[in-house]
Amino acid sequence: MSEEVSIFHTNNFYLNGKLIYKYLVSLPLDYDKKQDQKWPLIVAMTGRDACGDNIEQVKRTGIPRMLTVFVKWRNNKLGPDDIMKDDWKPKPSQWGLDPSKKPPKPVRLEVAKFIAENFITVCPQAGKYEYDPDLLSKFTENVANTYRVDKDRIYMTGLSYGGYYTRETAMAHPHQFAALAPICG
């Protein structure tokens, strides 16, 4: 039996001795093989439903969800609702549910594969310290200096609460990011 693929690692970002963010990091599968390559970075932030101290909650939506499906695909463990079909629509019975009780949404496998194979992705979790534009900037700088990041290709995105702070961080630090994708109302 072949070894299971795992692309997530959990890490912590400290500033002046204080834990600021727990975060998930995903490195491309070829990261260790391509020692001279600099990789684009995606900083992907969650909505409020994934805040707290359970880092596994971060994997339920957005890019972390896509990466979770990629890992399941690589390990031949896909469930029937992991891959989005062309006719997929949300079930009305799930509208208005507590986010922690909603089943994770299906994803497009080709998008999940593209992100997993071509980007370093970090997903900070707002916990005791909420998202803060200056701390997110320092976090991003720390990640870019820790991993082999192409500093001209740093992207930030976020859903809902994370989308709001994507915008706020970019306004406070406009030259740090190549592109943004805030997804919020």
Protein backbone atom coordinates (compact mmCIF):
# COMPACT_ATOMS: atom_id res chain seq x y z
CA MET A 1 0.00 0.00 0.00
CA SER A 2 1.35 3.43 -0.90
CA GLU A 3 1.91 6.10 1.70
CA GLU A 4 -0.98 8.52 2.24
CA VAL A 5 -0.54 12.04 0.96
CA SER A 6 -0.83 14.85 3.49
CA ILE A 7 -0.23 18.43 2.49
CA PHE A 8 -1.40 20.26 5.62
CA HIS A 9 0.88 21.18 8.46
CA THR A 10 -0.16 23.19 11.49
CA ASN A 11 2.04 26.02 12.64
CA ASN A 12 1.89 29.01 14.97
CA PHE A 13 2.78 32.65 14.42
CA TYR A 14 4.17 34.42 17.48
CA LEU A 15 4.98 38.08 17.84
CA ASN A 16 6.88 39.34 20.88
CA GLY A 17 6.33 35.97 22.57
CA LYS A 18 2.53 36.02 22.11
CA LEU A 19 0.63 33.54 19.99
CA ILE A 20 -1.09 35.62 17.32
CA TYR A 21 -2.40 33.02 14.85
CA LYS A 22 -2.54 29.29 14.53
CA TYR A 23 -2.41 28.48 10.86
CA LEU A 24 -2.51 25.71 8.33
CA VAL A 25 0.18 25.62 5.69
CA SER A 26 0.05 23.61 2.49
CA LEU A 27 3.17 23.19 0.39
CA PRO A 28 3.10 21.96 -3.21
CA LEU A 29 3.96 18.27 -3.50
CA ASP A 30 7.16 19.16 -5.41
CA TYR A 31 8.26 21.80 -2.90
CA ASP A 32 11.12 19.72 -1.47
CA LYS A 33 12.23 18.46 -4.91
CA LYS A 34 12.47 21.94 -6.44
CA GLN A 35 14.88 23.61 -4.02
CA ASP A 36 15.63 26.55 -6.33
CA GLN A 37 12.02 27.41 -7.09
CA LYS A 38 10.17 30.33 -5.50
CA TRP A 39 6.44 29.68 -5.17
CA PRO A 40 3.43 32.01 -5.22
CA LEU A 41 1.70 32.39 -1.86
CA ILE A 42 -2.02 32.49 -1.10
CA VAL A 43 -3.08 33.82 2.30
CA ALA A 44 -6.63 32.48 2.70
CA MET A 45 -8.73 33.68 5.61
CA THR A 46 -11.91 32.17 6.92
CA GLY A 47 -15.28 33.45 7.97
CA ARG A 48 -16.19 33.87 11.62
CA ASP A 49 -17.54 30.33 11.87
CA ALA A 50 -13.96 28.98 11.74
CA CYS A 51 -12.56 31.35 14.39
CA GLY A 52 -11.49 29.93 17.74
CA ASP A 53 -8.99 27.30 18.73
CA ASN A 54 -10.04 24.26 16.66
CA ILE A 55 -7.77 24.50 13.62
CA GLU A 56 -9.72 21.70 11.90
CA GLN A 57 -12.65 24.13 11.48
CA VAL A 58 -10.52 26.08 9.01
CA LYS A 59 -10.70 23.15 6.56
CA ARG A 60 -14.49 23.37 6.12
CA THR A 61 -14.71 26.20 3.56
CA GLY A 62 -12.91 28.02 0.78
CA ILE A 63 -9.40 27.15 -0.31
CA PRO A 64 -8.71 24.94 2.73
CA ARG A 65 -11.79 22.90 1.76
CA MET A 66 -10.42 22.57 -1.78
CA LEU A 67 -7.08 21.36 -0.44
CA THR A 68 -8.88 18.86 1.83
CA VAL A 69 -10.67 17.42 -1.21
CA PHE A 70 -7.37 17.25 -3.09
CA VAL A 71 -5.85 15.18 -0.26
CA LYS A 72 -8.90 12.89 -0.22
CA TRP A 73 -8.61 12.47 -4.01
CA ARG A 74 -4.87 11.64 -3.79
CA ASN A 75 -5.64 9.06 -1.09
CA ASN A 76 -8.62 7.52 -2.94
CA LYS A 77 -11.00 8.58 -0.16
CA LEU A 78 -13.39 10.93 -1.95
CA GLY A 79 -16.93 10.98 -0.65
CA PRO A 80 -20.01 11.27 -2.88
CA ASP A 81 -20.44 14.97 -2.04
CA ASP A 82 -16.79 16.08 -2.34
CA ILE A 83 -16.72 16.80 -6.09
CA MET A 84 -19.02 19.43 -7.57
CA LYS A 85 -21.13 18.22 -10.45
CA ASP A 86 -22.32 20.56 -13.19
CA ASP A 87 -25.90 20.53 -11.89
CA TRP A 88 -25.00 21.10 -8.21
CA LYS A 89 -27.22 23.44 -6.18
CA PRO A 90 -27.32 23.99 -2.43
CA LYS A 91 -30.07 22.07 -0.69
CA PRO A 92 -32.79 24.37 0.69
CA SER A 93 -32.87 22.25 3.85
CA GLN A 94 -29.34 23.53 4.66
CA TRP A 95 -30.11 27.24 4.37
CA GLY A 96 -30.02 28.99 7.71
CA LEU A 97 -28.28 26.13 9.50
CA ASP A 98 -25.59 26.80 12.04
CA PRO A 99 -22.40 26.84 9.89
CA SER A 100 -20.77 24.14 12.04
CA LYS A 101 -23.68 21.80 11.19
CA LYS A 102 -23.73 22.38 7.45
CA PRO A 103 -22.01 19.72 5.38
CA PRO A 104 -18.97 21.08 3.53
CA LYS A 105 -19.74 22.16 -0.03
CA PRO A 106 -18.41 20.16 -2.96
CA VAL A 107 -15.51 21.61 -4.95
CA ARG A 108 -14.17 21.53 -8.49
CA LEU A 109 -11.33 18.99 -8.43
CA GLU A 110 -9.39 20.68 -11.25
CA VAL A 111 -9.28 23.92 -9.22
CA ALA A 112 -8.24 22.07 -6.07
CA LYS A 113 -5.43 20.30 -7.97
CA PHE A 114 -4.20 23.56 -9.51
CA ILE A 115 -3.96 25.30 -6.13
CA ALA A 116 -2.44 22.30 -4.32
CA GLU A 117 0.23 21.71 -6.96
CA ASN A 118 1.22 25.32 -7.68
CA PHE A 119 0.89 27.46 -4.55
CA ILE A 120 2.03 27.67 -0.99
CA THR A 121 -1.18 28.30 0.91
CA VAL A 122 -1.49 29.52 4.48
CA CYS A 123 -4.75 29.80 6.37
CA PRO A 124 -4.50 31.82 9.59
CA GLN A 125 -7.20 31.23 12.17
CA ALA A 126 -8.53 34.21 14.09
CA GLY A 127 -8.68 33.06 17.67
CA LYS A 128 -7.87 34.98 20.82
CA TYR A 129 -6.49 37.77 18.65
CA GLU A 130 -8.92 38.62 15.90
CA TYR A 131 -7.72 39.38 12.42
CA ASP A 132 -5.89 42.68 12.38
CA PRO A 133 -4.45 44.35 9.24
CA ASP A 134 -1.04 45.10 10.77
CA LEU A 135 -0.73 41.63 12.33
CA LEU A 136 -1.82 40.00 9.06
CA SER A 137 0.85 41.98 7.24
CA LYS A 138 3.51 40.82 9.72
CA PHE A 139 2.18 37.27 9.52
CA THR A 140 2.42 37.34 5.71
CA GLU A 141 5.94 38.77 5.86
CA ASN A 142 6.97 36.04 8.31
CA VAL A 143 5.54 33.30 6.07
CA ALA A 144 7.25 34.78 3.00
CA ASN A 145 10.57 34.69 4.87
CA THR A 146 10.02 31.19 6.28
CA TYR A 147 9.15 29.43 3.02
CA ARG A 148 10.49 29.87 -0.53
CA VAL A 149 7.94 32.48 -1.59
CA ASP A 150 8.06 34.59 -4.74
CA LYS A 151 7.47 37.94 -3.06
CA ASP A 152 6.07 39.40 -6.28
CA ARG A 153 3.27 36.83 -6.24
CA ILE A 154 1.64 37.09 -2.83
CA TYR A 155 -2.16 36.91 -2.94
CA MET A 156 -4.74 37.35 -0.21
CA THR A 157 -8.32 36.16 -0.12
CA GLY A 158 -10.95 35.65 2.51
CA LEU A 159 -14.56 34.63 2.95
CA SER A 160 -17.05 36.82 4.81
CA TYR A 161 -15.21 38.05 7.92
CA GLY A 162 -11.92 37.04 6.25
CA GLY A 163 -12.96 38.92 3.11
CA TYR A 164 -13.49 42.08 5.12
CA TYR A 165 -9.99 41.79 6.59
CA THR A 166 -8.54 41.03 3.16
CA ARG A 167 -9.76 44.44 2.08
CA GLU A 168 -8.68 46.16 5.30
CA THR A 169 -5.20 44.63 5.16
CA ALA A 170 -4.74 45.64 1.53
CA MET A 171 -5.81 49.20 2.28
CA ALA A 172 -3.30 49.41 5.14
CA HIS A 173 -0.50 47.62 3.21
CA PRO A 174 -1.25 48.17 -0.50
CA HIS A 175 2.17 47.22 -1.88
CA GLN A 176 2.45 43.86 -0.12
CA PHE A 177 0.05 41.94 -2.36
CA ALA A 178 -0.04 41.22 -6.09
CA ALA A 179 -3.80 40.63 -6.06
CA LEU A 180 -6.75 40.33 -3.70
CA ALA A 181 -10.00 38.40 -3.75
CA PRO A 182 -12.23 39.54 -0.86
CA ILE A 183 -15.45 37.54 -0.87
CA CYS A 184 -17.94 39.24 1.40
CA GLY A 185 -21.15 41.23 1.45
